[in-house]
Amino acid sequence: MQRFSEIVDRYRVLFFDSYGVLKNSKGLLDGVPEALADLRDRGKRLYVITNDSSRPPHKLAKAFEHPVYGPLIHPDHIISSGLLATRFLTRKINSGTVAYLGKDDSAHYIRAAGLRAKPVAECEHEEVSAIVLLDDEGFEWSSDLNSAVNIARRGPIPIIVANADLAYPVDGHRIAVAIGALGGMMERLLGRKFIYFGKPDTSMFSYAWAQVQALEPEVTKGDILMVGDTLETDILGANKFGLDTALVLSGNTRPEDAQRAIMSTGIVPDHVCASIVD
């Protein structure tokens, strides 16, 4: 296992996953504000590449504001899979109501496409142009999941999963079911193919790469390190896009499982570190 501090100087740009790397559902992990402030002060470009579509980027960025160190990640440097869902809706859905599962904040990604967003619970007797699964909170799992299934059964409308994650870390010991897992369950039940956005799809990294190139066209892929806690999303997606990768063991991948997981999946990170604060 390597120390993160010993590998980070090789890179100009750092892509971080959010949950399990920088934070969990209780807030920033111990030592992360200091680590990010140090990297920022050393001139590193810091981005968050996240499947979290629960809030718009400017609200996601509030999790990285610190009373001493100030804003640690700029809102423009938060690349949420919800942004890709917005781009799809803008191009493919011309008008109408889009039903969603998630909090009202998550519906930002529908409204940003110029479409009317309504919770699934309010659409049982209304024609909709698409269904979007955005977040695992903000709805009644039993009744609203059943409503979403029955709305989908009416006809061949697109069903979009804006967060492909199956789970996310709650704290150092527990995980919670994410909206991607609910999407997978509905997909199998309906016998349909859903449209998924988020890691490991390389479109997330392509989107982030375009943002980096717009600011610093001289930066190459070799200058970027993707830091994540999950082999099947963070590491696989970045590997496929041609970025160096660091697996950290502060989230979904437990230290005692790391080598076995790497061997069994065949997903090999360039570095393995305990966390970003070592």
Protein backbone atom coordinates (compact mmCIF):
# COMPACT_ATOMS: atom_id res chain seq x y z
CA MET A 1 0.00 0.00 0.00
CA GLN A 2 1.23 3.49 -0.89
CA ARG A 3 0.93 6.81 0.86
CA PHE A 4 -1.25 9.28 -1.02
CA SER A 5 1.15 12.11 -0.20
CA GLU A 6 3.92 10.24 -2.00
CA ILE A 7 2.10 9.88 -5.33
CA VAL A 8 0.12 13.11 -5.61
CA ASP A 9 3.02 15.30 -6.76
CA ARG A 10 3.12 13.42 -10.06
CA TYR A 11 -0.21 14.96 -11.12
CA ARG A 12 -1.49 18.45 -11.91
CA VAL A 13 -5.21 17.65 -11.80
CA LEU A 14 -7.03 15.47 -9.28
CA PHE A 15 -10.45 13.97 -9.90
CA PHE A 16 -12.06 12.85 -6.63
CA ASP A 17 -15.10 10.71 -6.09
CA SER A 18 -17.18 12.26 -3.31
CA TYR A 19 -18.74 9.63 -1.03
CA GLY A 20 -16.18 7.36 0.59
CA VAL A 21 -13.23 9.49 -0.54
CA LEU A 22 -13.97 13.00 0.73
CA LYS A 23 -17.15 12.54 2.75
CA ASN A 24 -19.91 10.23 3.90
CA SER A 25 -23.52 10.98 4.82
CA LYS A 26 -22.35 12.57 8.08
CA GLY A 27 -20.02 15.10 6.42
CA LEU A 28 -16.38 15.48 5.41
CA LEU A 29 -14.09 12.71 6.59
CA ASP A 30 -11.51 13.50 9.25
CA GLY A 31 -8.49 15.29 7.81
CA VAL A 32 -10.05 15.91 4.39
CA PRO A 33 -10.46 19.72 4.73
CA GLU A 34 -6.79 20.06 5.61
CA ALA A 35 -5.73 17.73 2.78
CA LEU A 36 -7.79 19.57 0.17
CA ALA A 37 -6.62 22.98 1.37
CA ASP A 38 -3.01 21.82 1.12
CA LEU A 39 -3.51 20.48 -2.41
CA ARG A 40 -5.27 23.66 -3.47
CA ASP A 41 -2.51 25.84 -2.01
CA ARG A 42 0.06 23.77 -3.90
CA GLY A 43 -1.64 24.67 -7.18
CA LYS A 44 -3.43 21.38 -7.86
CA ARG A 45 -6.68 21.58 -9.84
CA LEU A 46 -9.35 19.79 -7.80
CA TYR A 47 -12.54 18.32 -9.26
CA VAL A 48 -15.28 16.14 -7.83
CA ILE A 49 -16.62 13.51 -10.22
CA THR A 50 -19.75 12.18 -8.57
CA ASN A 51 -22.81 10.07 -9.30
CA ASP A 52 -24.66 12.14 -6.68
CA SER A 53 -27.66 13.75 -8.39
CA SER A 54 -29.47 14.72 -5.20
CA ARG A 55 -28.77 18.46 -5.56
CA PRO A 56 -27.48 20.91 -8.18
CA PRO A 57 -23.69 21.45 -8.28
CA HIS A 58 -23.79 24.78 -6.43
CA LYS A 59 -25.53 23.04 -3.52
CA LEU A 60 -23.27 19.99 -3.67
CA ALA A 61 -20.34 22.40 -3.38
CA LYS A 62 -21.60 23.62 0.00
CA ALA A 63 -20.43 20.32 1.52
CA PHE A 64 -16.89 21.46 0.69
CA GLU A 65 -17.07 24.87 2.34
CA HIS A 66 -14.97 25.16 5.50
CA PRO A 67 -15.04 27.88 8.18
CA VAL A 68 -11.25 28.15 8.19
CA TYR A 69 -10.15 27.08 4.69
CA GLY A 70 -13.08 28.55 2.77
CA PRO A 71 -14.48 26.95 -0.41
CA LEU A 72 -12.42 23.84 -1.10
CA ILE A 73 -14.08 22.79 -4.39
CA HIS A 74 -15.50 25.37 -6.81
CA PRO A 75 -19.10 24.64 -7.94
CA ASP A 76 -17.92 24.63 -11.58
CA HIS A 77 -15.54 21.80 -10.65
CA ILE A 78 -18.32 19.51 -9.45
CA ILE A 79 -19.23 17.13 -12.25
CA SER A 80 -22.44 15.33 -11.32
CA SER A 81 -23.97 12.55 -13.40
CA GLY A 82 -27.13 14.65 -13.21
CA LEU A 83 -25.51 17.05 -15.69
CA LEU A 84 -25.37 14.27 -18.27
CA ALA A 85 -29.02 13.47 -17.61
CA THR A 86 -29.82 17.14 -18.28
CA ARG A 87 -27.91 17.01 -21.55
CA PHE A 88 -29.81 13.87 -22.62
CA LEU A 89 -33.19 15.38 -21.72
CA THR A 90 -32.34 18.58 -23.59
CA ARG A 91 -31.50 16.67 -26.76
CA LYS A 92 -34.08 13.89 -26.67
CA ILE A 93 -37.20 15.11 -24.82
CA ASN A 94 -38.79 18.11 -26.52
CA SER A 95 -41.66 18.86 -24.16
CA GLY A 96 -44.08 17.53 -21.59
CA THR A 97 -43.93 16.41 -18.00
CA VAL A 98 -41.08 14.31 -16.65
CA ALA A 99 -41.86 12.17 -13.61
CA TYR A 100 -39.08 11.67 -11.09
CA LEU A 101 -38.03 9.80 -7.97
CA GLY A 102 -35.96 11.95 -5.62
CA LYS A 103 -36.00 15.16 -3.62
CA ASP A 104 -37.21 18.46 -5.08
CA ASP A 105 -33.58 19.64 -5.23
CA SER A 106 -32.71 16.70 -7.48
CA ALA A 107 -35.39 17.77 -9.97
CA HIS A 108 -33.05 20.67 -10.84
CA TYR A 109 -31.54 18.42 -13.50
CA ILE A 110 -34.94 18.08 -15.22
CA ARG A 111 -35.86 21.76 -14.94
CA ALA A 112 -32.45 22.73 -16.32
CA ALA A 113 -33.50 21.00 -19.55
CA GLY A 114 -36.53 23.30 -19.76
CA LEU A 115 -38.99 20.55 -18.84
CA ARG A 116 -41.72 20.32 -16.23
CA ALA A 117 -40.72 18.06 -13.33
CA LYS A 118 -43.30 16.31 -11.15
CA PRO A 119 -42.88 13.63 -8.46
CA VAL A 120 -43.94 10.16 -9.58
CA ALA A 121 -46.66 10.19 -6.90
CA GLU A 122 -48.40 13.06 -8.76
CA CYS A 123 -48.25 11.42 -12.20
CA GLU A 124 -50.33 8.28 -11.87
CA HIS A 125 -53.11 9.80 -14.00
CA GLU A 126 -50.98 12.05 -16.20
CA GLU A 127 -49.15 11.39 -19.45
CA VAL A 128 -45.40 11.78 -19.02
CA SER A 129 -42.57 12.08 -21.53
CA ALA A 130 -39.97 10.28 -19.41
CA ILE A 131 -39.21 8.97 -15.93
CA VAL A 132 -35.97 9.95 -14.19
CA LEU A 133 -34.56 8.22 -11.10
CA LEU A 134 -32.47 10.85 -9.33
CA ASP A 135 -32.05 10.08 -5.63
CA ASP A 136 -32.94 7.46 -3.02
CA GLU A 137 -34.65 10.02 -0.74
CA GLY A 138 -37.68 12.27 -1.05
CA PHE A 139 -40.30 9.63 -1.83
CA GLU A 140 -42.11 6.66 -0.31
CA TRP A 141 -40.20 3.60 -1.41
CA SER A 142 -43.16 1.18 -1.46
CA SER A 143 -45.95 3.25 -2.97
CA ASP A 144 -43.86 5.47 -5.25
CA LEU A 145 -41.75 2.63 -6.66
CA ASN A 146 -44.97 0.84 -7.51
CA SER A 147 -46.30 4.02 -9.12
CA ALA A 148 -43.13 4.37 -11.21
CA VAL A 149 -43.40 0.77 -12.40
CA ASN A 150 -47.02 1.19 -13.43
CA ILE A 151 -46.39 4.49 -15.19
CA ALA A 152 -43.57 2.80 -17.13
CA ARG A 153 -45.90 -0.04 -18.14
CA ARG A 154 -48.16 2.35 -20.04
CA GLY A 155 -45.84 2.71 -23.00
CA PRO A 156 -42.28 2.98 -24.36
CA ILE A 157 -41.12 6.16 -22.64
CA PRO A 158 -37.43 6.62 -21.75
CA ILE A 159 -36.49 5.70 -18.18
CA ILE A 160 -33.31 7.44 -17.07
CA VAL A 161 -31.22 6.58 -14.02
CA ALA A 162 -29.14 9.65 -13.23
CA ASN A 163 -27.08 7.89 -10.55
CA ALA A 164 -25.75 4.42 -11.40
CA ASP A 165 -24.43 3.76 -7.87
CA LEU A 166 -25.78 0.69 -6.10
CA ALA A 167 -24.75 1.87 -2.62
CA TYR A 168 -22.95 4.68 -0.80
CA PRO A 169 -21.12 4.89 2.55
CA VAL A 170 -23.14 6.13 5.52
CA ASP A 171 -20.18 6.01 7.90
CA GLY A 172 -17.06 3.94 8.42
CA HIS A 173 -19.04 0.73 8.88
CA ARG A 174 -22.38 0.96 7.08
CA ILE A 175 -23.66 1.51 3.56
CA ALA A 176 -27.07 2.53 2.20
CA VAL A 177 -28.94 1.45 -0.93
CA ALA A 178 -28.60 4.01 -3.74
CA ILE A 179 -31.02 4.82 -6.54
CA GLY A 180 -29.01 2.80 -9.07
CA ALA A 181 -29.92 -0.39 -7.20
CA LEU A 182 -33.60 0.55 -7.33
CA GLY A 183 -33.24 1.22 -11.04
CA GLY A 184 -31.75 -2.21 -11.57
CA MET A 185 -34.63 -3.84 -9.71
CA MET A 186 -37.23 -1.97 -11.80
CA GLU A 187 -35.37 -2.75 -15.01
CA ARG A 188 -35.46 -6.49 -14.35
CA LEU A 189 -39.10 -6.34 -13.28
CA LEU A 190 -40.18 -4.49 -16.42
CA GLY A 191 -37.91 -6.35 -18.83
CA ARG A 192 -36.79 -3.00 -20.21
CA LYS A 193 -33.44 -1.34 -20.82
CA PHE A 194 -32.95 1.85 -18.82
CA ILE A 195 -30.57 4.69 -19.69
CA TYR A 196 -27.88 5.01 -17.02
CA PHE A 197 -25.60 7.97 -16.40
CA GLY A 198 -22.59 8.09 -14.11
CA LYS A 199 -19.44 6.13 -13.50
CA PRO A 200 -18.27 3.70 -14.82
CA ASP A 201 -19.59 5.15 -18.09
CA THR A 202 -16.73 7.07 -19.66
CA SER A 203 -19.01 9.97 -20.63
CA MET A 204 -18.52 11.29 -17.07
CA PHE A 205 -14.78 11.48 -17.62
CA SER A 206 -15.19 12.89 -21.12
CA TYR A 207 -17.35 15.67 -19.68
CA ALA A 208 -14.80 16.43 -16.96
CA TRP A 209 -11.91 16.23 -19.45
CA ALA A 210 -13.61 18.87 -21.61
CA GLN A 211 -13.89 21.16 -18.56
CA VAL A 212 -10.18 20.75 -17.80
CA GLN A 213 -9.17 21.32 -21.43
CA ALA A 214 -11.22 24.52 -21.60
CA LEU A 215 -9.12 25.99 -18.78
CA GLU A 216 -5.76 24.33 -19.44
CA PRO A 217 -5.50 22.91 -22.97
CA GLU A 218 -1.92 21.81 -22.35
CA VAL A 219 -2.95 19.30 -19.66
CA THR A 220 -2.73 15.69 -20.84
CA LYS A 221 -4.49 12.62 -19.51
CA GLY A 222 -1.19 11.64 -17.93
CA ASP A 223 -1.43 14.74 -15.72
CA ILE A 224 -4.71 13.57 -14.15
CA LEU A 225 -5.30 11.15 -11.27
CA MET A 226 -8.75 9.74 -10.50
CA VAL A 227 -9.20 8.92 -6.82
CA GLY A 228 -12.07 6.63 -5.87
CA ASP A 229 -13.22 4.08 -3.33
CA THR A 230 -15.08 1.68 -5.66
CA LEU A 231 -13.43 -0.55 -8.25
CA GLU A 232 -16.53 -1.14 -10.39
CA THR A 233 -17.34 2.56 -10.90
CA ASP A 234 -14.52 5.00 -10.10
CA ILE A 235 -11.56 2.86 -11.06
CA LEU A 236 -13.07 0.96 -14.00
CA GLY A 237 -14.46 4.10 -15.63
CA ALA A 238 -11.22 6.06 -15.30
CA ASN A 239 -9.13 3.10 -16.45
CA LYS A 240 -11.28 2.83 -19.59
CA PHE A 241 -10.84 6.56 -20.25
CA GLY A 242 -7.08 6.27 -19.96
CA LEU A 243 -6.48 8.01 -16.62
CA ASP A 244 -4.23 6.90 -13.78
CA THR A 245 -6.23 5.70 -10.80
CA ALA A 246 -5.87 5.49 -7.03
CA LEU A 247 -8.14 3.24 -4.97
CA VAL A 248 -8.59 4.51 -1.41
CA LEU A 249 -9.85 2.28 1.38
CA SER A 250 -11.87 4.88 3.27
CA GLY A 251 -15.28 4.03 1.78
CA ASN A 252 -16.91 1.17 -0.09
CA THR A 253 -13.78 -0.98 -0.39
CA ARG A 254 -12.62 -2.24 2.99
CA PRO A 255 -8.89 -2.76 3.62
CA GLU A 256 -9.33 -6.46 4.32
CA ASP A 257 -11.20 -6.95 1.02
CA ALA A 258 -9.12 -4.82 -1.35
CA GLN A 259 -6.68 -7.33 -2.79
CA ARG A 260 -9.31 -10.04 -3.11
CA ALA A 261 -11.61 -7.60 -4.91
CA ILE A 262 -8.87 -6.55 -7.31
CA MET A 263 -8.03 -10.17 -8.07
CA SER A 264 -11.63 -11.28 -8.52
CA THR A 265 -12.76 -8.35 -10.69
CA GLY A 266 -9.60 -7.84 -12.71
CA ILE A 267 -9.99 -4.09 -12.18
CA VAL A 268 -6.49 -2.92 -11.29
CA PRO A 269 -5.80 0.59 -9.94
CA ASP A 270 -2.39 2.18 -10.47
CA HIS A 271 -2.18 2.96 -6.74
CA VAL A 272 -3.81 1.73 -3.54
CA CYS A 273 -3.85 4.07 -0.52
CA ALA A 274 -5.54 4.02 2.87
CA SER A 275 -7.08 7.46 2.27
CA ILE A 276 -6.19 10.88 0.87
CA VAL A 277 -5.03 12.08 4.26
CA ASP A 278 -2.08 9.67 4.75
